Amino acid sequence: MVISVVPSTEIVRFVNSETEACMGVLRLACAFTDREKIIKFEGCYHDHADPLLVKIGSGVATLGLLDSLVFLRELHMEL
């Protein structure tokens, strides 16, 4: 169905969760662009993966504490 809507699509991958999808997209984007930094717009929903919780300031669970940066280093990504 997806391939019929977007004929240039070569592969469709279904995953179990939104977190898994977001993390996969981030890894793919960094690999494709050969960059380690991503831009995240404030005020939008970016899932609850630890690297995406940094500095969004939307409550106690997402204070952007420095311990969250550990996950970014492991993924070689920087916000």
C-alpha atoms as a PDB file:
ATOM      1  CA  MET A   1       0.000   0.000   0.000  1.00  0.00           C
ATOM      2  CA  VAL A   2       2.768   2.473   0.911  1.00  0.00           C
ATOM      3  CA  ILE A   3       4.756   1.593  -2.194  1.00  0.00           C
ATOM      4  CA  SER A   4       1.711   2.171  -4.405  1.00  0.00           C
ATOM      5  CA  VAL A   5       1.351   5.699  -2.975  1.00  0.00           C
ATOM      6  CA  VAL A   6       5.089   6.497  -3.187  1.00  0.00           C
ATOM      7  CA  PRO A   7       6.451   4.510  -6.151  1.00  0.00           C
ATOM      8  CA  SER A   8      10.088   5.500  -5.487  1.00  0.00           C
ATOM      9  CA  THR A   9       9.983   3.661  -2.143  1.00  0.00           C
ATOM     10  CA  GLU A  10      12.343   0.700  -2.124  1.00  0.00           C
ATOM     11  CA  ILE A  11      11.934  -0.556   1.441  1.00  0.00           C
ATOM     12  CA  VAL A  12       9.186  -0.223   4.041  1.00  0.00           C
ATOM     13  CA  ARG A  13      10.040  -1.135   7.607  1.00  0.00           C
ATOM     14  CA  PHE A  14       7.457  -1.598  10.332  1.00  0.00           C
ATOM     15  CA  VAL A  15       8.596  -1.361  13.952  1.00  0.00           C
ATOM     16  CA  ASN A  16       6.989  -2.119  17.298  1.00  0.00           C
ATOM     17  CA  SER A  17       6.927   1.362  18.794  1.00  0.00           C
ATOM     18  CA  GLU A  18       7.102   5.053  18.040  1.00  0.00           C
ATOM     19  CA  THR A  19      10.328   5.266  20.035  1.00  0.00           C
ATOM     20  CA  GLU A  20      11.943   2.621  17.858  1.00  0.00           C
ATOM     21  CA  ALA A  21      10.776   4.456  14.729  1.00  0.00           C
ATOM     22  CA  CYS A  22      12.113   7.832  15.941  1.00  0.00           C
ATOM     23  CA  MET A  23      15.484   6.396  16.939  1.00  0.00           C
ATOM     24  CA  GLY A  24      15.769   4.626  13.591  1.00  0.00           C
ATOM     25  CA  VAL A  25      15.000   7.829  11.709  1.00  0.00           C
ATOM     26  CA  LEU A  26      17.603   9.759  13.719  1.00  0.00           C
ATOM     27  CA  ARG A  27      20.274   7.141  13.051  1.00  0.00           C
ATOM     28  CA  LEU A  28      19.382   7.019   9.363  1.00  0.00           C
ATOM     29  CA  ALA A  29      19.437  10.818   9.021  1.00  0.00           C
ATOM     30  CA  CYS A  30      22.826  11.088  10.740  1.00  0.00           C
ATOM     31  CA  ALA A  31      24.271   8.307   8.575  1.00  0.00           C
ATOM     32  CA  PHE A  32      22.831   9.718   5.345  1.00  0.00           C
ATOM     33  CA  THR A  33      24.004  13.294   5.977  1.00  0.00           C
ATOM     34  CA  ASP A  34      27.280  12.256   7.667  1.00  0.00           C
ATOM     35  CA  ARG A  35      26.484  14.685  10.484  1.00  0.00           C
ATOM     36  CA  GLU A  36      26.270  14.159  14.226  1.00  0.00           C
ATOM     37  CA  LYS A  37      23.942  17.027  15.114  1.00  0.00           C
ATOM     38  CA  ILE A  38      20.201  17.261  14.644  1.00  0.00           C
ATOM     39  CA  ILE A  39      17.765  20.146  14.993  1.00  0.00           C
ATOM     40  CA  LYS A  40      14.791  19.726  17.285  1.00  0.00           C
ATOM     41  CA  PHE A  41      12.032  22.323  17.294  1.00  0.00           C
ATOM     42  CA  GLU A  42      10.737  23.404  20.689  1.00  0.00           C
ATOM     43  CA  GLY A  43       7.044  22.906  21.332  1.00  0.00           C
ATOM     44  CA  CYS A  44       6.637  19.839  19.112  1.00  0.00           C
ATOM     45  CA  TYR A  45       6.281  16.211  20.142  1.00  0.00           C
ATOM     46  CA  HIS A  46       9.447  14.213  19.505  1.00  0.00           C
ATOM     47  CA  ASP A  47       8.654  10.983  21.321  1.00  0.00           C
ATOM     48  CA  HIS A  48       9.984   9.985  24.736  1.00  0.00           C
ATOM     49  CA  ALA A  49      13.365   8.568  23.734  1.00  0.00           C
ATOM     50  CA  ASP A  50      16.063   9.854  26.096  1.00  0.00           C
ATOM     51  CA  PRO A  51      18.057  11.814  23.489  1.00  0.00           C
ATOM     52  CA  LEU A  52      14.888  13.652  22.508  1.00  0.00           C
ATOM     53  CA  LEU A  53      13.986  14.671  26.062  1.00  0.00           C
ATOM     54  CA  VAL A  54      16.930  17.044  26.389  1.00  0.00           C
ATOM     55  CA  LYS A  55      16.014  20.702  26.881  1.00  0.00           C
ATOM     56  CA  ILE A  56      12.374  20.554  25.887  1.00  0.00           C
ATOM     57  CA  GLY A  57      11.211  21.743  29.302  1.00  0.00           C
ATOM     58  CA  SER A  58       7.770  20.191  29.265  1.00  0.00           C
ATOM     59  CA  GLY A  59       7.588  19.030  32.836  1.00  0.00           C
ATOM     60  CA  VAL A  60       9.358  17.077  35.543  1.00  0.00           C
ATOM     61  CA  ALA A  61       9.965  14.018  33.356  1.00  0.00           C
ATOM     62  CA  THR A  62      11.708  16.121  30.706  1.00  0.00           C
ATOM     63  CA  LEU A  63      13.774  18.677  32.566  1.00  0.00           C
ATOM     64  CA  GLY A  64      16.763  18.292  30.242  1.00  0.00           C
ATOM     65  CA  LEU A  65      19.020  17.125  33.041  1.00  0.00           C
ATOM     66  CA  LEU A  66      22.643  16.599  32.124  1.00  0.00           C
ATOM     67  CA  ASP A  67      22.405  12.817  32.687  1.00  0.00           C
ATOM     68  CA  SER A  68      20.338  12.697  29.490  1.00  0.00           C
ATOM     69  CA  LEU A  69      23.427  13.743  27.532  1.00  0.00           C
ATOM     70  CA  VAL A  70      25.028  10.376  28.327  1.00  0.00           C
ATOM     71  CA  PHE A  71      22.588   8.766  25.914  1.00  0.00           C
ATOM     72  CA  LEU A  72      23.526  11.275  23.212  1.00  0.00           C
ATOM     73  CA  ARG A  73      27.213  10.445  23.552  1.00  0.00           C
ATOM     74  CA  GLU A  74      26.460   6.733  23.248  1.00  0.00           C
ATOM     75  CA  LEU A  75      24.521   7.382  20.043  1.00  0.00           C
ATOM     76  CA  HIS A  76      27.116   9.883  18.772  1.00  0.00           C
ATOM     77  CA  MET A  77      24.387  12.486  18.372  1.00  0.00           C
ATOM     78  CA  GLU A  78      24.176  16.011  19.608  1.00  0.00           C
ATOM     79  CA  LEU A  79      21.127  18.257  19.888  1.00  0.00           C
END
